[in-house]
């Protein structure tokens, strides 16, 4: 009774929740936001 409960509950939750969130959220936000704001802002100000 003490070895049949903490096993399927600790190995079925922190696995699919930690590998399905920090991946598509950290690779789809800091990429298009840092490459579309730093280029047109640094090349259109120091020229004119």
Protein backbone atom coordinates (compact mmCIF):
# COMPACT_ATOMS: atom_id res chain seq x y z
CA UNK A 1 0.00 0.00 0.00
CA UNK A 2 2.97 2.33 0.56
CA UNK A 3 4.84 1.28 -2.57
CA UNK A 4 1.97 1.21 -5.05
CA UNK A 5 0.89 4.87 -4.79
CA UNK A 6 3.90 7.22 -4.88
CA UNK A 7 5.29 5.47 -7.94
CA UNK A 8 2.67 5.99 -10.69
CA UNK A 9 1.81 9.44 -9.39
CA UNK A 10 5.35 10.88 -9.35
CA UNK A 11 6.39 9.43 -12.70
CA UNK A 12 3.29 10.24 -14.73
CA UNK A 13 2.99 13.96 -13.96
CA UNK A 14 6.36 15.72 -13.90
CA UNK A 15 7.37 14.07 -17.15
CA UNK A 16 4.83 15.12 -19.80
CA UNK A 17 4.34 18.51 -18.17
CA UNK A 18 8.01 19.57 -18.03
CA UNK A 19 8.83 18.42 -21.56
CA UNK A 20 5.82 19.86 -23.37
CA UNK A 21 5.89 23.45 -22.06
CA UNK A 22 9.40 24.89 -21.81
CA UNK A 23 10.18 23.77 -25.34
CA UNK A 24 7.63 25.38 -27.67
CA UNK A 25 7.38 28.47 -25.49
CA UNK A 26 11.09 29.30 -25.29
CA UNK A 27 11.82 28.66 -28.97
CA UNK A 28 8.83 30.43 -30.50
CA UNK A 29 8.97 33.76 -28.62
CA UNK A 30 12.55 35.00 -28.13
CA UNK A 31 13.34 34.35 -31.78
CA UNK A 32 10.86 36.38 -33.85
CA UNK A 33 10.80 39.15 -31.26
CA UNK A 34 14.57 39.74 -31.05
CA UNK A 35 15.18 39.52 -34.81
CA UNK A 36 12.34 41.78 -35.93
CA UNK A 37 12.85 44.61 -33.42
CA UNK A 38 16.64 44.95 -33.33
CA UNK A 39 17.20 45.09 -37.09
CA UNK A 40 14.81 47.79 -38.30
CA UNK A 41 15.43 49.92 -35.20
CA UNK A 42 19.25 49.96 -35.34
CA UNK A 43 19.49 50.49 -39.10
CA UNK A 44 16.89 53.23 -39.47
CA UNK A 45 18.07 55.57 -36.69
CA UNK A 46 21.85 56.00 -36.95
CA UNK A 47 21.62 56.72 -40.71
CA UNK A 48 19.43 59.82 -41.03
